[in-house]
């Protein structure tokens, strides 16, 4: 019985502490979502660059091939 009350008192914290803890958890989740969005945007920017370069190759030919080689070396 004493073990149960000890665990209950450990998990249940005062109102201010639980609000602070919830706020900290919310901040952590928000930061994780922001980082996921940034990594998605990074990938989209790289894809956009490669597609644009490939379009130049299709239109302009060998001159654009040089640009593709430069783009490939940057990644």
PDB file of N, CA and C in Angstrom:
ATOM      1  N   UNK A   1       0.817  -1.190   0.000  1.00  0.00           N
ATOM      2  CA  UNK A   1       0.000   0.000   0.000  1.00  0.00           C
ATOM      3  C   UNK A   1       0.862   1.255   0.000  1.00  0.00           C
ATOM      4  N   UNK A   2       1.956   1.250   0.752  1.00  0.00           N
ATOM      5  CA  UNK A   2       2.800   2.444   0.796  1.00  0.00           C
ATOM      6  C   UNK A   2       3.495   2.678  -0.534  1.00  0.00           C
ATOM      7  N   UNK A   3       3.842   1.595  -1.239  1.00  0.00           N
ATOM      8  CA  UNK A   3       4.480   1.757  -2.542  1.00  0.00           C
ATOM      9  C   UNK A   3       3.538   2.443  -3.526  1.00  0.00           C
ATOM     10  N   UNK A   4       2.248   2.082  -3.472  1.00  0.00           N
ATOM     11  CA  UNK A   4       1.280   2.687  -4.380  1.00  0.00           C
ATOM     12  C   UNK A   4       1.129   4.174  -4.101  1.00  0.00           C
ATOM     13  N   UNK A   5       1.084   4.543  -2.822  1.00  0.00           N
ATOM     14  CA  UNK A   5       0.923   5.960  -2.501  1.00  0.00           C
ATOM     15  C   UNK A   5       2.175   6.742  -2.864  1.00  0.00           C
ATOM     16  N   UNK A   6       3.342   6.098  -2.736  1.00  0.00           N
ATOM     17  CA  UNK A   6       4.576   6.777  -3.107  1.00  0.00           C
ATOM     18  C   UNK A   6       4.607   7.050  -4.611  1.00  0.00           C
ATOM     19  N   UNK A   7       4.210   6.057  -5.419  1.00  0.00           N
ATOM     20  CA  UNK A   7       4.220   6.277  -6.863  1.00  0.00           C
ATOM     21  C   UNK A   7       3.186   7.312  -7.265  1.00  0.00           C
ATOM     22  N   UNK A   8       2.046   7.310  -6.583  1.00  0.00           N
ATOM     23  CA  UNK A   8       1.036   8.307  -6.901  1.00  0.00           C
ATOM     24  C   UNK A   8       1.522   9.709  -6.575  1.00  0.00           C
ATOM     25  N   UNK A   9       2.199   9.860  -5.428  1.00  0.00           N
ATOM     26  CA  UNK A   9       2.684  11.191  -5.076  1.00  0.00           C
ATOM     27  C   UNK A   9       3.809  11.625  -5.998  1.00  0.00           C
ATOM     28  N   UNK A  10       4.573  10.657  -6.537  1.00  0.00           N
ATOM     29  CA  UNK A  10       5.644  11.022  -7.459  1.00  0.00           C
ATOM     30  C   UNK A  10       5.087  11.464  -8.803  1.00  0.00           C
ATOM     31  N   UNK A  11       4.053  10.759  -9.289  1.00  0.00           N
ATOM     32  CA  UNK A  11       3.528  11.099 -10.602  1.00  0.00           C
ATOM     33  C   UNK A  11       2.627  12.318 -10.561  1.00  0.00           C
ATOM     34  N   UNK A  12       1.910  12.516  -9.475  1.00  0.00           N
ATOM     35  CA  UNK A  12       1.021  13.673  -9.370  1.00  0.00           C
ATOM     36  C   UNK A  12       1.816  14.808  -8.758  1.00  0.00           C
ATOM     37  N   UNK A  13       1.957  15.873  -9.497  1.00  0.00           N
ATOM     38  CA  UNK A  13       2.711  17.020  -9.015  1.00  0.00           C
ATOM     39  C   UNK A  13       1.748  18.181  -8.824  1.00  0.00           C
ATOM     40  N   UNK A  14       2.196  19.230  -8.171  1.00  0.00           N
ATOM     41  CA  UNK A  14       1.314  20.381  -7.974  1.00  0.00           C
ATOM     42  C   UNK A  14       0.865  20.974  -9.304  1.00  0.00           C
ATOM     43  N   UNK A  15      -0.171  21.760  -9.260  1.00  0.00           N
ATOM     44  CA  UNK A  15      -0.774  22.297 -10.475  1.00  0.00           C
ATOM     45  C   UNK A  15       0.242  23.073 -11.301  1.00  0.00           C
ATOM     46  N   UNK A  16       1.065  23.883 -10.675  1.00  0.00           N
ATOM     47  CA  UNK A  16       2.062  24.655 -11.409  1.00  0.00           C
ATOM     48  C   UNK A  16       3.089  23.766 -12.071  1.00  0.00           C
ATOM     49  N   UNK A  17       3.515  22.714 -11.390  1.00  0.00           N
ATOM     50  CA  UNK A  17       4.505  21.802 -11.949  1.00  0.00           C
ATOM     51  C   UNK A  17       3.968  21.053 -13.145  1.00  0.00           C
ATOM     52  N   UNK A  18       2.738  20.587 -13.063  1.00  0.00           N
ATOM     53  CA  UNK A  18       2.190  19.840 -14.184  1.00  0.00           C
ATOM     54  C   UNK A  18       1.954  20.762 -15.383  1.00  0.00           C
ATOM     55  N   UNK A  19       1.559  21.990 -15.125  1.00  0.00           N
ATOM     56  CA  UNK A  19       1.394  22.945 -16.229  1.00  0.00           C
ATOM     57  C   UNK A  19       2.739  23.223 -16.881  1.00  0.00           C
ATOM     58  N   UNK A  20       3.758  23.381 -16.059  1.00  0.00           N
ATOM     59  CA  UNK A  20       5.096  23.627 -16.584  1.00  0.00           C
ATOM     60  C   UNK A  20       5.576  22.438 -17.393  1.00  0.00           C
ATOM     61  N   UNK A  21       5.322  21.252 -16.870  1.00  0.00           N
ATOM     62  CA  UNK A  21       5.742  20.046 -17.574  1.00  0.00           C
ATOM     63  C   UNK A  21       5.001  19.910 -18.901  1.00  0.00           C
ATOM     64  N   UNK A  22       3.692  20.160 -18.892  1.00  0.00           N
ATOM     65  CA  UNK A  22       2.922  20.089 -20.136  1.00  0.00           C
ATOM     66  C   UNK A  22       3.410  21.123 -21.130  1.00  0.00           C
ATOM     67  N   UNK A  23       3.725  22.315 -20.640  1.00  0.00           N
ATOM     68  CA  UNK A  23       4.226  23.367 -21.519  1.00  0.00           C
ATOM     69  C   UNK A  23       5.561  22.963 -22.135  1.00  0.00           C
ATOM     70  N   UNK A  24       6.443  22.383 -21.330  1.00  0.00           N
ATOM     71  CA  UNK A  24       7.751  21.937 -21.832  1.00  0.00           C
ATOM     72  C   UNK A  24       7.575  20.848 -22.885  1.00  0.00           C
ATOM     73  N   UNK A  25       6.659  19.911 -22.635  1.00  0.00           N
ATOM     74  CA  UNK A  25       6.409  18.858 -23.613  1.00  0.00           C
ATOM     75  C   UNK A  25       5.848  19.440 -24.913  1.00  0.00           C
ATOM     76  N   UNK A  26       4.953  20.403 -24.778  1.00  0.00           N
ATOM     77  CA  UNK A  26       4.378  21.047 -25.954  1.00  0.00           C
ATOM     78  C   UNK A  26       5.471  21.751 -26.769  1.00  0.00           C
ATOM     79  N   UNK A  27       6.384  22.435 -26.076  1.00  0.00           N
ATOM     80  CA  UNK A  27       7.487  23.098 -26.768  1.00  0.00           C
ATOM     81  C   UNK A  27       8.357  22.093 -27.515  1.00  0.00           C
ATOM     82  N   UNK A  28       8.621  20.952 -26.877  1.00  0.00           N
ATOM     83  CA  UNK A  28       9.449  19.928 -27.518  1.00  0.00           C
ATOM     84  C   UNK A  28       8.753  19.379 -28.765  1.00  0.00           C
ATOM     85  N   UNK A  29       7.451  19.101 -28.663  1.00  0.00           N
ATOM     86  CA  UNK A  29       6.716  18.595 -29.824  1.00  0.00           C
ATOM     87  C   UNK A  29       6.697  19.621 -30.946  1.00  0.00           C
ATOM     88  N   UNK A  30       6.519  20.899 -30.594  1.00  0.00           N
ATOM     89  CA  UNK A  30       6.498  21.965 -31.604  1.00  0.00           C
ATOM     90  C   UNK A  30       7.847  22.065 -32.304  1.00  0.00           C
ATOM     91  N   UNK A  31       8.922  21.955 -31.544  1.00  0.00           N
ATOM     92  CA  UNK A  31      10.267  22.021 -32.126  1.00  0.00           C
ATOM     93  C   UNK A  31      10.508  20.843 -33.071  1.00  0.00           C
ATOM     94  N   UNK A  32      10.048  19.647 -32.681  1.00  0.00           N
ATOM     95  CA  UNK A  32      10.219  18.480 -33.546  1.00  0.00           C
ATOM     96  C   UNK A  32       9.459  18.656 -34.855  1.00  0.00           C
ATOM     97  N   UNK A  33       8.230  19.178 -34.781  1.00  0.00           N
ATOM     98  CA  UNK A  33       7.450  19.410 -36.000  1.00  0.00           C
ATOM     99  C   UNK A  33       8.122  20.447 -36.882  1.00  0.00           C
ATOM    100  N   UNK A  34       8.689  21.484 -36.285  1.00  0.00           N
ATOM    101  CA  UNK A  34       9.360  22.519 -37.063  1.00  0.00           C
ATOM    102  C   UNK A  34      10.572  21.938 -37.788  1.00  0.00           C
ATOM    103  N   UNK A  35      11.323  21.090 -37.106  1.00  0.00           N
ATOM    104  CA  UNK A  35      12.490  20.478 -37.735  1.00  0.00           C
ATOM    105  C   UNK A  35      12.083  19.554 -38.876  1.00  0.00           C
ATOM    106  N   UNK A  36      10.975  18.824 -38.711  1.00  0.00           N
ATOM    107  CA  UNK A  36      10.493  17.967 -39.784  1.00  0.00           C
ATOM    108  C   UNK A  36      10.117  18.803 -41.001  1.00  0.00           C
ATOM    109  N   UNK A  37       9.458  19.930 -40.767  1.00  0.00           N
ATOM    110  CA  UNK A  37       9.071  20.799 -41.878  1.00  0.00           C
ATOM    111  C   UNK A  37      10.298  21.342 -42.587  1.00  0.00           C
ATOM    112  N   UNK A  38      11.313  21.731 -41.821  1.00  0.00           N
ATOM    113  CA  UNK A  38      12.530  22.259 -42.438  1.00  0.00           C
ATOM    114  C   UNK A  38      13.211  21.215 -43.293  1.00  0.00           C
ATOM    115  N   UNK A  39      13.264  19.967 -42.803  1.00  0.00           N
ATOM    116  CA  UNK A  39      13.918  18.930 -43.597  1.00  0.00           C
ATOM    117  C   UNK A  39      13.121  18.643 -44.858  1.00  0.00           C
ATOM    118  N   UNK A  40      11.793  18.727 -44.788  1.00  0.00           N
ATOM    119  CA  UNK A  40      10.975  18.537 -45.985  1.00  0.00           C
ATOM    120  C   UNK A  40      11.230  19.660 -46.985  1.00  0.00           C
ATOM    121  N   UNK A  41      11.329  20.891 -46.504  1.00  0.00           N
ATOM    122  CA  UNK A  41      11.585  22.017 -47.396  1.00  0.00           C
ATOM    123  C   UNK A  41      12.954  21.902 -48.046  1.00  0.00           C
ATOM    124  N   UNK A  42      13.928  21.432 -47.287  1.00  0.00           N
ATOM    125  CA  UNK A  42      15.263  21.245 -47.841  1.00  0.00           C
ATOM    126  C   UNK A  42      15.231  20.269 -49.011  1.00  0.00           C
ATOM    127  N   UNK A  43      14.537  19.163 -48.817  1.00  0.00           N
ATOM    128  CA  UNK A  43      14.422  18.167 -49.874  1.00  0.00           C
ATOM    129  C   UNK A  43      13.709  18.712 -51.094  1.00  0.00           C
ATOM    130  N   UNK A  44      12.662  19.497 -50.866  1.00  0.00           N
ATOM    131  CA  UNK A  44      11.930  20.081 -51.989  1.00  0.00           C
ATOM    132  C   UNK A  44      12.792  21.078 -52.754  1.00  0.00           C
ATOM    133  N   UNK A  45      13.608  21.837 -52.037  1.00  0.00           N
ATOM    134  CA  UNK A  45      14.487  22.795 -52.712  1.00  0.00           C
ATOM    135  C   UNK A  45      15.507  22.067 -53.586  1.00  0.00           C
ATOM    136  N   UNK A  46      16.065  20.973 -53.084  1.00  0.00           N
ATOM    137  CA  UNK A  46      17.024  20.193 -53.876  1.00  0.00           C
ATOM    138  C   UNK A  46      16.340  19.598 -55.106  1.00  0.00           C
ATOM    139  N   UNK A  47      15.137  19.068 -54.898  1.00  0.00           N
ATOM    140  CA  UNK A  47      14.406  18.493 -56.020  1.00  0.00           C
ATOM    141  C   UNK A  47      14.097  19.556 -57.070  1.00  0.00           C
ATOM    142  N   UNK A  48      13.684  20.727 -56.618  1.00  0.00           N
ATOM    143  CA  UNK A  48      13.387  21.819 -57.538  1.00  0.00           C
ATOM    144  C   UNK A  48      14.624  22.181 -58.353  1.00  0.00           C
ATOM    145  N   UNK A  49      15.752  22.257 -57.706  1.00  0.00           N
ATOM    146  CA  UNK A  49      16.993  22.597 -58.393  1.00  0.00           C
ATOM    147  C   UNK A  49      17.344  21.551 -59.443  1.00  0.00           C
ATOM    148  N   UNK A  50      17.229  20.278 -59.072  1.00  0.00           N
ATOM    149  CA  UNK A  50      17.573  19.220 -60.018  1.00  0.00           C
ATOM    150  C   UNK A  50      16.597  19.180 -61.196  1.00  0.00           C
ATOM    151  N   UNK A  51      15.315  19.375 -60.926  1.00  0.00           N
ATOM    152  CA  UNK A  51      14.328  19.368 -62.013  1.00  0.00           C
ATOM    153  C   UNK A  51      14.564  20.556 -62.945  1.00  0.00           C
ATOM    154  N   UNK A  52      14.871  21.701 -62.370  1.00  0.00           N
ATOM    155  CA  UNK A  52      15.154  22.878 -63.204  1.00  0.00           C
ATOM    156  C   UNK A  52      16.368  22.640 -64.090  1.00  0.00           C
ATOM    157  N   UNK A  53      17.389  22.043 -63.517  1.00  0.00           N
ATOM    158  CA  UNK A  53      18.589  21.758 -64.296  1.00  0.00           C
ATOM    159  C   UNK A  53      18.299  20.735 -65.393  1.00  0.00           C
ATOM    160  N   UNK A  54      17.518  19.721 -65.055  1.00  0.00           N
ATOM    161  CA  UNK A  54      17.162  18.719 -66.060  1.00  0.00           C
ATOM    162  C   UNK A  54      16.347  19.356 -67.192  1.00  0.00           C
ATOM    163  N   UNK A  55      15.502  20.304 -66.861  1.00  0.00           N
ATOM    164  CA  UNK A  55      14.727  21.004 -67.890  1.00  0.00           C
ATOM    165  C   UNK A  55      15.654  21.803 -68.799  1.00  0.00           C
ATOM    166  N   UNK A  56      16.641  22.442 -68.212  1.00  0.00           N
ATOM    167  CA  UNK A  56      17.614  23.172 -69.032  1.00  0.00           C
ATOM    168  C   UNK A  56      18.343  22.236 -69.980  1.00  0.00           C
ATOM    169  N   UNK A  57      18.662  21.040 -69.511  1.00  0.00           N
ATOM    170  CA  UNK A  57      19.352  20.070 -70.365  1.00  0.00           C
ATOM    171  C   UNK A  57      18.457  19.684 -71.537  1.00  0.00           C
ATOM    172  N   UNK A  58      17.193  19.463 -71.239  1.00  0.00           N
ATOM    173  CA  UNK A  58      16.266  19.062 -72.296  1.00  0.00           C
ATOM    174  C   UNK A  58      16.114  20.166 -73.336  1.00  0.00           C
ATOM    175  N   UNK A  59      16.160  21.407 -72.904  1.00  0.00           N
ATOM    176  CA  UNK A  59      15.933  22.525 -73.817  1.00  0.00           C
ATOM    177  C   UNK A  59      17.226  22.955 -74.511  1.00  0.00           C
ATOM    178  N   UNK A  60      18.278  23.135 -73.743  1.00  0.00           N
ATOM    179  CA  UNK A  60      19.476  23.749 -74.288  1.00  0.00           C
ATOM    180  C   UNK A  60      20.550  22.763 -74.717  1.00  0.00           C
ATOM    181  N   UNK A  61      20.476  21.524 -74.287  1.00  0.00           N
ATOM    182  CA  UNK A  61      21.437  20.526 -74.755  1.00  0.00           C
ATOM    183  C   UNK A  61      22.730  20.487 -73.971  1.00  0.00           C
ATOM    184  N   UNK A  62      23.848  20.452 -74.692  1.00  0.00           N
ATOM    185  CA  UNK A  62      25.150  20.187 -74.079  1.00  0.00           C
ATOM    186  C   UNK A  62      25.603  21.287 -73.118  1.00  0.00           C
ATOM    187  N   UNK A  63      25.193  22.504 -73.345  1.00  0.00           N
ATOM    188  CA  UNK A  63      25.573  23.580 -72.427  1.00  0.00           C
ATOM    189  C   UNK A  63      24.965  23.334 -71.045  1.00  0.00           C
ATOM    190  N   UNK A  64      23.748  22.876 -71.054  1.00  0.00           N
ATOM    191  CA  UNK A  64      23.088  22.590 -69.776  1.00  0.00           C
ATOM    192  C   UNK A  64      23.687  21.368 -69.104  1.00  0.00           C
ATOM    193  N   UNK A  65      24.244  20.456 -69.891  1.00  0.00           N
ATOM    194  CA  UNK A  65      24.886  19.286 -69.302  1.00  0.00           C
ATOM    195  C   UNK A  65      26.015  19.709 -68.375  1.00  0.00           C
ATOM    196  N   UNK A  66      26.722  20.742 -68.751  1.00  0.00           N
ATOM    197  CA  UNK A  66      27.777  21.281 -67.895  1.00  0.00           C
ATOM    198  C   UNK A  66      27.195  21.758 -66.578  1.00  0.00           C
ATOM    199  N   UNK A  67      26.049  22.432 -66.630  1.00  0.00           N
ATOM    200  CA  UNK A  67      25.397  22.898 -65.406  1.00  0.00           C
ATOM    201  C   UNK A  67      24.930  21.732 -64.550  1.00  0.00           C
ATOM    202  N   UNK A  68      24.457  20.674 -65.177  1.00  0.00           N
ATOM    203  CA  UNK A  68      24.044  19.496 -64.422  1.00  0.00           C
ATOM    204  C   UNK A  68      25.236  18.882 -63.698  1.00  0.00           C
ATOM    205  N   UNK A  69      26.346  18.805 -64.352  1.00  0.00           N
ATOM    206  CA  UNK A  69      27.543  18.262 -63.708  1.00  0.00           C
ATOM    207  C   UNK A  69      27.963  19.133 -62.517  1.00  0.00           C
ATOM    208  N   UNK A  70      27.853  20.438 -62.677  1.00  0.00           N
ATOM    209  CA  UNK A  70      28.183  21.322 -61.545  1.00  0.00           C
ATOM    210  C   UNK A  70      27.182  21.112 -60.406  1.00  0.00           C
ATOM    211  N   UNK A  71      25.911  20.992 -60.729  1.00  0.00           N
ATOM    212  CA  UNK A  71      24.891  20.781 -59.697  1.00  0.00           C
ATOM    213  C   UNK A  71      25.118  19.456 -58.990  1.00  0.00           C
ATOM    214  N   UNK A  72      25.468  18.442 -59.745  1.00  0.00           N
ATOM    215  CA  UNK A  72      25.702  17.129 -59.138  1.00  0.00           C
ATOM    216  C   UNK A  72      26.889  17.190 -58.179  1.00  0.00           C
ATOM    217  N   UNK A  73      27.904  17.936 -58.523  1.00  0.00           N
ATOM    218  CA  UNK A  73      29.079  18.031 -57.656  1.00  0.00           C
ATOM    219  C   UNK A  73      28.775  18.807 -56.393  1.00  0.00           C
ATOM    220  N   UNK A  74      27.784  19.703 -56.409  1.00  0.00           N
ATOM    221  CA  UNK A  74      27.431  20.454 -55.208  1.00  0.00           C
ATOM    222  C   UNK A  74      26.754  19.593 -54.174  1.00  0.00           C
ATOM    223  N   UNK A  75      26.052  18.562 -54.596  1.00  0.00           N
ATOM    224  CA  UNK A  75      25.352  17.709 -53.636  1.00  0.00           C
ATOM    225  C   UNK A  75      26.264  16.595 -53.236  1.00  0.00           C
TER     226      UNK A  75
END
